[in-house]
C-alpha atoms as a PDB file:
ATOM      1  CA  MET A   1     -21.133  -2.805  22.662  1.00  0.00           C
ATOM      2  CA  PRO A   2     -22.727  -5.035  25.346  1.00  0.00           C
ATOM      3  CA  ASP A   3     -20.411  -7.650  26.876  1.00  0.00           C
ATOM      4  CA  GLU A   4     -22.450 -10.570  25.597  1.00  0.00           C
ATOM      5  CA  ILE A   5     -21.834  -9.683  21.958  1.00  0.00           C
ATOM      6  CA  LEU A   6     -18.181  -8.740  22.215  1.00  0.00           C
ATOM      7  CA  PRO A   7     -16.115 -10.773  19.733  1.00  0.00           C
ATOM      8  CA  PRO A   8     -13.821 -13.436  21.225  1.00  0.00           C
ATOM      9  CA  PRO A   9     -10.081 -12.823  21.778  1.00  0.00           C
ATOM     10  CA  LEU A  10      -8.059 -13.006  18.562  1.00  0.00           C
ATOM     11  CA  ARG A  11      -5.982 -15.980  19.730  1.00  0.00           C
ATOM     12  CA  GLU A  12      -9.215 -17.869  20.380  1.00  0.00           C
ATOM     13  CA  VAL A  13     -10.422 -17.010  16.854  1.00  0.00           C
ATOM     14  CA  ILE A  14      -7.165 -18.345  15.397  1.00  0.00           C
ATOM     15  CA  LYS A  15      -7.513 -21.587  17.385  1.00  0.00           C
ATOM     16  CA  THR A  16     -11.206 -22.071  16.573  1.00  0.00           C
ATOM     17  CA  TYR A  17     -10.723 -21.677  12.832  1.00  0.00           C
ATOM     18  CA  ASP A  18      -7.252 -23.276  12.652  1.00  0.00           C
ATOM     19  CA  LEU A  19      -6.022 -19.983  11.250  1.00  0.00           C
ATOM     20  CA  ARG A  20      -2.322 -20.741  11.437  1.00  0.00           C
ATOM     21  CA  ALA A  21      -0.365 -18.231   9.357  1.00  0.00           C
ATOM     22  CA  ASP A  22       0.233 -19.529   5.830  1.00  0.00           C
ATOM     23  CA  LYS A  23       3.719 -18.623   4.581  1.00  0.00           C
ATOM     24  CA  SER A  24       2.610 -19.004   0.970  1.00  0.00           C
ATOM     25  CA  LEU A  25       0.088 -16.197   1.572  1.00  0.00           C
ATOM     26  CA  GLY A  26       2.604 -13.953   3.341  1.00  0.00           C
ATOM     27  CA  GLN A  27       0.528 -13.992   6.528  1.00  0.00           C
ATOM     28  CA  HIS A  28       1.764 -12.478   9.810  1.00  0.00           C
ATOM     29  CA  PHE A  29      -0.988 -11.537  12.257  1.00  0.00           C
ATOM     30  CA  LEU A  30      -1.094  -8.573  14.655  1.00  0.00           C
ATOM     31  CA  LEU A  31      -2.887  -9.481  17.890  1.00  0.00           C
ATOM     32  CA  ASP A  32      -2.085  -6.563  20.242  1.00  0.00           C
ATOM     33  CA  THR A  33      -5.370  -4.636  20.529  1.00  0.00           C
ATOM     34  CA  ASP A  34      -3.683  -1.414  21.668  1.00  0.00           C
ATOM     35  CA  LEU A  35      -1.345  -1.511  18.677  1.00  0.00           C
ATOM     36  CA  LEU A  36      -4.232  -2.253  16.315  1.00  0.00           C
ATOM     37  CA  THR A  37      -6.175   0.694  17.759  1.00  0.00           C
ATOM     38  CA  SER A  38      -3.142   2.932  17.152  1.00  0.00           C
ATOM     39  CA  ILE A  39      -2.866   1.753  13.549  1.00  0.00           C
ATOM     40  CA  ALA A  40      -6.545   2.497  12.913  1.00  0.00           C
ATOM     41  CA  ALA A  41      -6.063   5.941  14.477  1.00  0.00           C
ATOM     42  CA  MET A  42      -3.181   6.618  12.069  1.00  0.00           C
ATOM     43  CA  ALA A  43      -5.628   6.130   9.183  1.00  0.00           C
ATOM     44  CA  ALA A  44      -7.717   9.113  10.338  1.00  0.00           C
ATOM     45  CA  PRO A  45      -9.671  11.095   9.363  1.00  0.00           C
ATOM     46  CA  LEU A  46     -12.112   8.319   8.469  1.00  0.00           C
ATOM     47  CA  GLU A  47     -15.453   9.913   9.355  1.00  0.00           C
ATOM     48  CA  GLY A  48     -17.862   9.177   6.505  1.00  0.00           C
ATOM     49  CA  VAL A  49     -15.190   7.212   4.598  1.00  0.00           C
ATOM     50  CA  ASN A  50     -15.571   3.732   3.116  1.00  0.00           C
ATOM     51  CA  VAL A  51     -12.485   1.839   4.270  1.00  0.00           C
ATOM     52  CA  ILE A  52     -11.012  -1.109   2.385  1.00  0.00           C
ATOM     53  CA  GLU A  53      -8.937  -3.652   4.298  1.00  0.00           C
ATOM     54  CA  ILE A  54      -6.849  -6.264   2.480  1.00  0.00           C
ATOM     55  CA  GLY A  55      -6.098  -9.558   4.209  1.00  0.00           C
ATOM     56  CA  PRO A  56      -7.942  -9.098   7.531  1.00  0.00           C
ATOM     57  CA  GLY A  57      -6.849 -12.506   8.871  1.00  0.00           C
ATOM     58  CA  PRO A  58      -8.506 -13.069  12.247  1.00  0.00           C
ATOM     59  CA  GLY A  59     -10.016  -9.567  12.119  1.00  0.00           C
ATOM     60  CA  GLY A  60      -7.946  -7.576  14.618  1.00  0.00           C
ATOM     61  CA  LEU A  61      -7.510  -4.480  12.474  1.00  0.00           C
ATOM     62  CA  THR A  62     -11.061  -4.933  11.191  1.00  0.00           C
ATOM     63  CA  ARG A  63     -12.357  -4.536  14.743  1.00  0.00           C
ATOM     64  CA  ALA A  64     -10.207  -1.437  15.270  1.00  0.00           C
ATOM     65  CA  LEU A  65     -11.439   0.132  12.029  1.00  0.00           C
ATOM     66  CA  LEU A  66     -15.066  -0.565  12.970  1.00  0.00           C
ATOM     67  CA  ALA A  67     -14.434   1.295  16.230  1.00  0.00           C
ATOM     68  CA  THR A  68     -13.603   4.471  14.252  1.00  0.00           C
ATOM     69  CA  LYS A  69     -16.130   6.775  12.602  1.00  0.00           C
ATOM     70  CA  ALA A  70     -15.665   5.108   9.220  1.00  0.00           C
ATOM     71  CA  ARG A  71     -18.917   4.811   7.295  1.00  0.00           C
ATOM     72  CA  HIS A  72     -18.256   1.222   6.216  1.00  0.00           C
ATOM     73  CA  VAL A  73     -15.456  -1.357   6.161  1.00  0.00           C
ATOM     74  CA  THR A  74     -14.979  -3.765   3.265  1.00  0.00           C
ATOM     75  CA  ALA A  75     -12.609  -6.613   4.125  1.00  0.00           C
ATOM     76  CA  ILE A  76     -11.146  -8.494   1.158  1.00  0.00           C
ATOM     77  CA  GLU A  77      -9.736 -11.897   2.082  1.00  0.00           C
ATOM     78  CA  TYR A  78      -8.311 -14.670  -0.124  1.00  0.00           C
ATOM     79  CA  ASP A  79      -7.977 -17.316   2.610  1.00  0.00           C
ATOM     80  CA  PRO A  80     -11.323 -19.110   3.163  1.00  0.00           C
ATOM     81  CA  ARG A  81     -10.356 -19.879   6.791  1.00  0.00           C
ATOM     82  CA  ALA A  82     -10.087 -16.163   7.535  1.00  0.00           C
ATOM     83  CA  VAL A  83     -13.342 -15.432   5.715  1.00  0.00           C
ATOM     84  CA  ALA A  84     -15.086 -17.883   8.040  1.00  0.00           C
ATOM     85  CA  ALA A  85     -13.269 -16.450  11.069  1.00  0.00           C
ATOM     86  CA  ILE A  86     -14.556 -12.910  10.652  1.00  0.00           C
ATOM     87  CA  LYS A  87     -18.098 -13.703   9.505  1.00  0.00           C
ATOM     88  CA  ALA A  88     -19.249 -13.579  13.119  1.00  0.00           C
ATOM     89  CA  LEU A  89     -17.806 -10.067  13.333  1.00  0.00           C
ATOM     90  CA  ALA A  90     -20.110  -8.940  10.533  1.00  0.00           C
ATOM     91  CA  GLU A  91     -23.096 -10.058  12.617  1.00  0.00           C
ATOM     92  CA  THR A  92     -22.200  -7.534  15.342  1.00  0.00           C
ATOM     93  CA  ALA A  93     -21.180  -4.691  12.985  1.00  0.00           C
ATOM     94  CA  GLN A  94     -24.693  -3.315  12.400  1.00  0.00           C
ATOM     95  CA  GLY A  95     -24.340  -3.481   8.623  1.00  0.00           C
ATOM     96  CA  ARG A  96     -20.994  -1.619   8.574  1.00  0.00           C
ATOM     97  CA  LEU A  97     -18.848  -4.611   7.524  1.00  0.00           C
ATOM     98  CA  THR A  98     -18.784  -6.399   4.179  1.00  0.00           C
ATOM     99  CA  ILE A  99     -16.548  -9.446   3.743  1.00  0.00           C
ATOM    100  CA  LEU A 100     -15.465 -10.365   0.221  1.00  0.00           C
ATOM    101  CA  HIS A 101     -13.783 -13.677  -0.523  1.00  0.00           C
ATOM    102  CA  ALA A 102     -11.613 -12.476  -3.400  1.00  0.00           C
ATOM    103  CA  ASP A 103      -8.080 -12.025  -4.724  1.00  0.00           C
ATOM    104  CA  ALA A 104      -7.041  -8.412  -4.040  1.00  0.00           C
ATOM    105  CA  MET A 105      -4.589  -8.571  -6.948  1.00  0.00           C
ATOM    106  CA  LYS A 106      -7.535  -8.955  -9.334  1.00  0.00           C
ATOM    107  CA  ALA A 107     -10.119  -6.796  -7.561  1.00  0.00           C
ATOM    108  CA  ASP A 108     -11.317  -3.504  -9.057  1.00  0.00           C
ATOM    109  CA  LEU A 109     -11.621  -1.666  -5.747  1.00  0.00           C
ATOM    110  CA  PRO A 110     -13.183   1.587  -7.025  1.00  0.00           C
ATOM    111  CA  ALA A 111     -15.897  -0.513  -8.700  1.00  0.00           C
ATOM    112  CA  LEU A 112     -16.530  -2.473  -5.494  1.00  0.00           C
ATOM    113  CA  VAL A 113     -16.482   0.343  -2.951  1.00  0.00           C
ATOM    114  CA  PRO A 114     -18.015   3.815  -3.393  1.00  0.00           C
ATOM    115  CA  ALA A 115     -16.130   7.063  -2.748  1.00  0.00           C
ATOM    116  CA  PRO A 116     -14.879   8.532  -0.522  1.00  0.00           C
ATOM    117  CA  ARG A 117     -12.638   5.514  -0.023  1.00  0.00           C
ATOM    118  CA  ALA A 118      -9.377   4.759   1.781  1.00  0.00           C
ATOM    119  CA  ILE A 119      -7.263   1.644   2.226  1.00  0.00           C
ATOM    120  CA  ALA A 120      -5.944   0.515   5.615  1.00  0.00           C
ATOM    121  CA  ALA A 121      -4.202  -2.840   5.802  1.00  0.00           C
ATOM    122  CA  ASN A 122      -1.503  -5.053   7.211  1.00  0.00           C
ATOM    123  CA  LEU A 123      -0.577  -6.213   3.725  1.00  0.00           C
ATOM    124  CA  PRO A 124       0.555  -9.772   2.989  1.00  0.00           C
ATOM    125  CA  TYR A 125       4.322  -9.458   2.507  1.00  0.00           C
ATOM    126  CA  ASN A 126       4.397 -11.328  -0.782  1.00  0.00           C
ATOM    127  CA  ILE A 127       2.009  -9.017  -2.651  1.00  0.00           C
ATOM    128  CA  GLY A 128       2.334  -5.685  -0.854  1.00  0.00           C
ATOM    129  CA  THR A 129       4.510  -3.877  -3.405  1.00  0.00           C
ATOM    130  CA  PRO A 130       2.604  -4.904  -6.573  1.00  0.00           C
ATOM    131  CA  LEU A 131      -0.673  -4.039  -4.852  1.00  0.00           C
ATOM    132  CA  LEU A 132       0.585  -0.572  -3.967  1.00  0.00           C
ATOM    133  CA  ILE A 133       1.844   0.078  -7.506  1.00  0.00           C
ATOM    134  CA  SER A 134      -1.563  -0.834  -8.913  1.00  0.00           C
ATOM    135  CA  TRP A 135      -3.285   1.505  -6.430  1.00  0.00           C
ATOM    136  CA  LEU A 136      -0.872   4.341  -7.156  1.00  0.00           C
ATOM    137  CA  MET A 137      -1.904   4.180 -10.807  1.00  0.00           C
ATOM    138  CA  GLN A 138      -5.400   5.146  -9.552  1.00  0.00           C
ATOM    139  CA  ALA A 139      -4.312   7.393  -6.670  1.00  0.00           C
ATOM    140  CA  ALA A 140      -6.984  10.002  -7.443  1.00  0.00           C
ATOM    141  CA  GLN A 141      -9.617   7.398  -6.503  1.00  0.00           C
ATOM    142  CA  TYR A 142      -8.485   7.249  -2.866  1.00  0.00           C
ATOM    143  CA  GLN A 143      -8.391   9.583   0.112  1.00  0.00           C
ATOM    144  CA  SER A 144      -5.431   7.830   1.731  1.00  0.00           C
ATOM    145  CA  PHE A 145      -3.440   4.613   2.115  1.00  0.00           C
ATOM    146  CA  THR A 146      -2.341   3.445   5.588  1.00  0.00           C
ATOM    147  CA  LEU A 147      -0.302   0.315   4.995  1.00  0.00           C
ATOM    148  CA  MET A 148       2.003  -2.052   6.849  1.00  0.00           C
ATOM    149  CA  PHE A 149       5.128  -3.072   4.953  1.00  0.00           C
ATOM    150  CA  GLN A 150       8.424  -4.739   5.711  1.00  0.00           C
ATOM    151  CA  LEU A 151      10.730  -1.991   6.989  1.00  0.00           C
ATOM    152  CA  GLU A 152      12.980  -2.287   3.934  1.00  0.00           C
ATOM    153  CA  VAL A 153      10.046  -1.640   1.577  1.00  0.00           C
ATOM    154  CA  ALA A 154       8.804   1.260   3.725  1.00  0.00           C
ATOM    155  CA  GLU A 155      12.251   2.854   3.589  1.00  0.00           C
ATOM    156  CA  ARG A 156      12.314   2.478  -0.188  1.00  0.00           C
ATOM    157  CA  LEU A 157       9.016   4.326  -0.462  1.00  0.00           C
ATOM    158  CA  CYS A 158      10.403   7.295   1.476  1.00  0.00           C
ATOM    159  CA  ALA A 159      13.971   7.198   0.143  1.00  0.00           C
ATOM    160  CA  ALA A 160      15.744  10.297  -1.137  1.00  0.00           C
ATOM    161  CA  PRO A 161      17.773  10.464  -4.383  1.00  0.00           C
ATOM    162  CA  SER A 162      21.374   9.212  -4.272  1.00  0.00           C
ATOM    163  CA  THR A 163      20.644   6.770  -1.450  1.00  0.00           C
ATOM    164  CA  PRO A 164      20.797   2.950  -1.815  1.00  0.00           C
ATOM    165  CA  ALA A 165      17.055   2.525  -1.160  1.00  0.00           C
ATOM    166  CA  TYR A 166      15.957   5.038  -3.819  1.00  0.00           C
ATOM    167  CA  GLY A 167      14.318   3.414  -6.819  1.00  0.00           C
ATOM    168  CA  ARG A 168      11.296   3.182  -9.059  1.00  0.00           C
ATOM    169  CA  ILE A 169       8.749   2.766  -6.263  1.00  0.00           C
ATOM    170  CA  SER A 170      10.256   5.794  -4.462  1.00  0.00           C
ATOM    171  CA  VAL A 171       9.695   7.993  -7.515  1.00  0.00           C
ATOM    172  CA  LEU A 172       6.174   6.769  -8.254  1.00  0.00           C
ATOM    173  CA  ALA A 173       5.001   7.018  -4.644  1.00  0.00           C
ATOM    174  CA  GLN A 174       6.503  10.450  -3.979  1.00  0.00           C
ATOM    175  CA  TRP A 175       5.351  11.844  -7.315  1.00  0.00           C
ATOM    176  CA  LEU A 176       1.733  10.915  -6.670  1.00  0.00           C
ATOM    177  CA  CYS A 177       1.499  11.111  -2.861  1.00  0.00           C
ATOM    178  CA  ASP A 178       2.865  12.677   0.283  1.00  0.00           C
ATOM    179  CA  VAL A 179       4.611   9.729   1.958  1.00  0.00           C
ATOM    180  CA  ASP A 180       5.632   9.228   5.589  1.00  0.00           C
ATOM    181  CA  ILE A 181       6.647   6.410   7.901  1.00  0.00           C
ATOM    182  CA  VAL A 182       4.302   6.935  10.860  1.00  0.00           C
ATOM    183  CA  MET A 183       5.132   3.938  13.040  1.00  0.00           C
ATOM    184  CA  HIS A 184       7.834   1.291  13.401  1.00  0.00           C
ATOM    185  CA  ILE A 185       6.612  -2.178  14.366  1.00  0.00           C
ATOM    186  CA  PRO A 186       9.054  -4.785  15.749  1.00  0.00           C
ATOM    187  CA  ALA A 187       8.925  -8.327  14.413  1.00  0.00           C
ATOM    188  CA  SER A 188       7.983  -9.512  17.909  1.00  0.00           C
ATOM    189  CA  ALA A 189       4.575  -7.805  17.580  1.00  0.00           C
ATOM    190  CA  PHE A 190       3.454 -10.352  14.978  1.00  0.00           C
ATOM    191  CA  ALA A 191       2.326 -13.955  15.239  1.00  0.00           C
ATOM    192  CA  PRO A 192       4.327 -15.670  13.939  1.00  0.00           C
ATOM    193  CA  PRO A 193       7.137 -13.084  14.049  1.00  0.00           C
ATOM    194  CA  PRO A 194       8.659 -12.439  10.616  1.00  0.00           C
ATOM    195  CA  LYS A 195      12.423 -12.289  10.151  1.00  0.00           C
ATOM    196  CA  VAL A 196      12.381  -8.492   9.735  1.00  0.00           C
ATOM    197  CA  ASP A 197      10.812  -5.454  11.385  1.00  0.00           C
ATOM    198  CA  SER A 198       7.929  -3.609   9.755  1.00  0.00           C
ATOM    199  CA  ALA A 199       6.704  -0.048   9.427  1.00  0.00           C
ATOM    200  CA  LEU A 200       3.364   1.638   8.927  1.00  0.00           C
ATOM    201  CA  ILE A 201       3.335   3.959   5.919  1.00  0.00           C
ATOM    202  CA  ARG A 202       0.863   6.771   5.354  1.00  0.00           C
ATOM    203  CA  LEU A 203       0.362   7.894   1.738  1.00  0.00           C
ATOM    204  CA  VAL A 204      -1.970  10.788   0.934  1.00  0.00           C
ATOM    205  CA  PRO A 205      -2.590  11.407  -2.796  1.00  0.00           C
ATOM    206  CA  LYS A 206      -1.658  14.914  -3.855  1.00  0.00           C
ATOM    207  CA  PRO A 207      -4.621  17.196  -4.615  1.00  0.00           C
ATOM    208  CA  SER A 208      -3.607  17.593  -8.269  1.00  0.00           C
ATOM    209  CA  GLN A 209      -3.121  14.241  -9.970  1.00  0.00           C
ATOM    210  CA  PRO A 210      -1.501  13.742 -13.407  1.00  0.00           C
ATOM    211  CA  ALA A 211      -3.435  12.579 -16.448  1.00  0.00           C
ATOM    212  CA  ARG A 212      -3.557   8.871 -17.262  1.00  0.00           C
ATOM    213  CA  GLU A 213      -1.202   9.386 -20.220  1.00  0.00           C
ATOM    214  CA  GLN A 214       1.357  10.988 -17.908  1.00  0.00           C
ATOM    215  CA  ILE A 215       1.094   8.178 -15.343  1.00  0.00           C
ATOM    216  CA  GLN A 216       1.622   5.558 -18.041  1.00  0.00           C
ATOM    217  CA  ALA A 217       4.632   7.462 -19.398  1.00  0.00           C
ATOM    218  CA  MET A 218       6.172   7.800 -15.932  1.00  0.00           C
ATOM    219  CA  GLU A 219       5.640   4.096 -15.283  1.00  0.00           C
ATOM    220  CA  LYS A 220       7.452   3.254 -18.533  1.00  0.00           C
ATOM    221  CA  LEU A 221      10.221   5.794 -17.887  1.00  0.00           C
ATOM    222  CA  THR A 222      11.017   4.658 -14.344  1.00  0.00           C
ATOM    223  CA  ALA A 223      10.891   0.984 -15.324  1.00  0.00           C
ATOM    224  CA  ALA A 224      13.507   1.598 -18.019  1.00  0.00           C
ATOM    225  CA  ALA A 225      15.683   3.910 -15.908  1.00  0.00           C
ATOM    226  CA  PHE A 226      15.875   1.655 -12.860  1.00  0.00           C
ATOM    227  CA  GLY A 227      15.747  -1.605 -14.818  1.00  0.00           C
ATOM    228  CA  GLN A 228      19.418  -1.055 -15.614  1.00  0.00           C
ATOM    229  CA  ARG A 229      20.341   1.277 -12.764  1.00  0.00           C
ATOM    230  CA  ARG A 230      24.102   0.723 -13.085  1.00  0.00           C
ATOM    231  CA  LYS A 231      24.025   2.103 -16.583  1.00  0.00           C
ATOM    232  CA  MET A 232      24.244   5.764 -17.463  1.00  0.00           C
ATOM    233  CA  LEU A 233      20.818   7.085 -18.382  1.00  0.00           C
ATOM    234  CA  ARG A 234      21.748   7.490 -22.042  1.00  0.00           C
ATOM    235  CA  GLY A 235      22.071   3.707 -22.180  1.00  0.00           C
ATOM    236  CA  ALA A 236      19.219   2.759 -19.846  1.00  0.00           C
ATOM    237  CA  LEU A 237      16.804   5.031 -21.757  1.00  0.00           C
ATOM    238  CA  LYS A 238      18.103   4.183 -25.231  1.00  0.00           C
ATOM    239  CA  GLY A 239      14.764   2.678 -26.238  1.00  0.00           C
ATOM    240  CA  LEU A 240      12.912   5.852 -25.216  1.00  0.00           C
ATOM    241  CA  GLY A 241      15.164   8.360 -26.914  1.00  0.00           C
ATOM    242  CA  GLY A 242      18.409   8.112 -24.967  1.00  0.00           C
ATOM    243  CA  SER A 243      20.666  11.171 -25.102  1.00  0.00           C
ATOM    244  CA  ASP A 244      18.229  13.186 -27.228  1.00  0.00           C
ATOM    245  CA  LEU A 245      15.457  12.744 -24.651  1.00  0.00           C
ATOM    246  CA  LEU A 246      17.755  13.623 -21.761  1.00  0.00           C
ATOM    247  CA  GLN A 247      19.241  16.682 -23.431  1.00  0.00           C
ATOM    248  CA  ALA A 248      15.759  17.956 -24.313  1.00  0.00           C
ATOM    249  CA  ALA A 249      14.921  17.748 -20.599  1.00  0.00           C
ATOM    250  CA  GLY A 250      18.167  19.467 -19.600  1.00  0.00           C
ATOM    251  CA  ILE A 251      19.572  16.361 -17.891  1.00  0.00           C
ATOM    252  CA  ASP A 252      23.165  15.137 -18.308  1.00  0.00           C
ATOM    253  CA  PRO A 253      23.028  11.811 -20.224  1.00  0.00           C
ATOM    254  CA  ALA A 254      25.954  10.525 -18.134  1.00  0.00           C
ATOM    255  CA  ARG A 255      23.923  10.574 -14.898  1.00  0.00           C
ATOM    256  CA  ARG A 256      22.386   7.448 -13.394  1.00  0.00           C
ATOM    257  CA  ALA A 257      18.739   6.931 -12.425  1.00  0.00           C
ATOM    258  CA  GLU A 258      19.271   7.040  -8.654  1.00  0.00           C
ATOM    259  CA  THR A 259      20.668  10.593  -8.856  1.00  0.00           C
ATOM    260  CA  LEU A 260      17.541  12.125 -10.417  1.00  0.00           C
ATOM    261  CA  SER A 261      14.987  13.861  -8.223  1.00  0.00           C
ATOM    262  CA  VAL A 262      11.263  13.191  -8.580  1.00  0.00           C
ATOM    263  CA  GLN A 263      10.950  16.607 -10.243  1.00  0.00           C
ATOM    264  CA  GLU A 264      13.618  15.697 -12.819  1.00  0.00           C
ATOM    265  CA  PHE A 265      11.810  12.451 -13.620  1.00  0.00           C
ATOM    266  CA  GLU A 266       8.620  14.469 -14.106  1.00  0.00           C
ATOM    267  CA  ARG A 267      10.477  16.788 -16.479  1.00  0.00           C
ATOM    268  CA  LEU A 268      11.734  13.805 -18.463  1.00  0.00           C
ATOM    269  CA  MET A 269       8.221  12.357 -18.571  1.00  0.00           C
ATOM    270  CA  LEU A 270       6.777  15.576 -19.983  1.00  0.00           C
ATOM    271  CA  VAL A 271       9.384  15.592 -22.748  1.00  0.00           C
ATOM    272  CA  LEU A 272       8.698  11.922 -23.458  1.00  0.00           C
ATOM    273  CA  ILE A 273       4.964  12.391 -24.013  1.00  0.00           C
ATOM    274  CA  ARG A 274       5.610  15.339 -26.344  1.00  0.00           C
ATOM    275  CA  LYS A 275       7.826  13.267 -28.603  1.00  0.00           C
END
């Protein structure tokens, strides 16, 4: 890209558009270009892929994604200041960047962006988990998810059974995807720095995805099981069949949700949908 059309430094963009991080929107910006390049590289392979970015802010990760071989980048931004800030970037992107002023919580991404599609984003902290759950329910629609979360949330996604971090999101994510923490990011890397460290998570949907009925049943099952995680499963799952359901799946009714493996939850789910 010729020097005269290089985008301005990110700190200058923030100053020009008064893009101070809004706590109510969970905003924390990454400004280190080397780090942003590394994050975009972690989303590979992106050749020929339509990438979706949520909450681009001043456009640092957007620039890094445009520097890959991605076919197209669609940036979805709720904050009108940020929309204005990255419009100039679209002018130098040779038609490879679309900016949508929209609420990602309400957006039907598969309807907006054609396949093959992937999501790469430094997610706003306040909506990261519900966004991921909604995407997991449509995991077959995506090639991959490369997402920045608070370290605590990232550890929950990768947690093993019988550990404090293991819960509903652990089961759903690991059932539907291969999940790995691929990078730790210190709080000092962000502007403004959050109170906690973060981690980049890579989720790749498994080649064989369950039917919609099975996903809905697993969602209901894990919500009930972990909704009262201190209870024995026969009590927590009373509304879904309790001891009868558990015994039919070959699982001791006296166990608690956090002790069950993903495979055991799948076994329970299969019994539940046959009821």
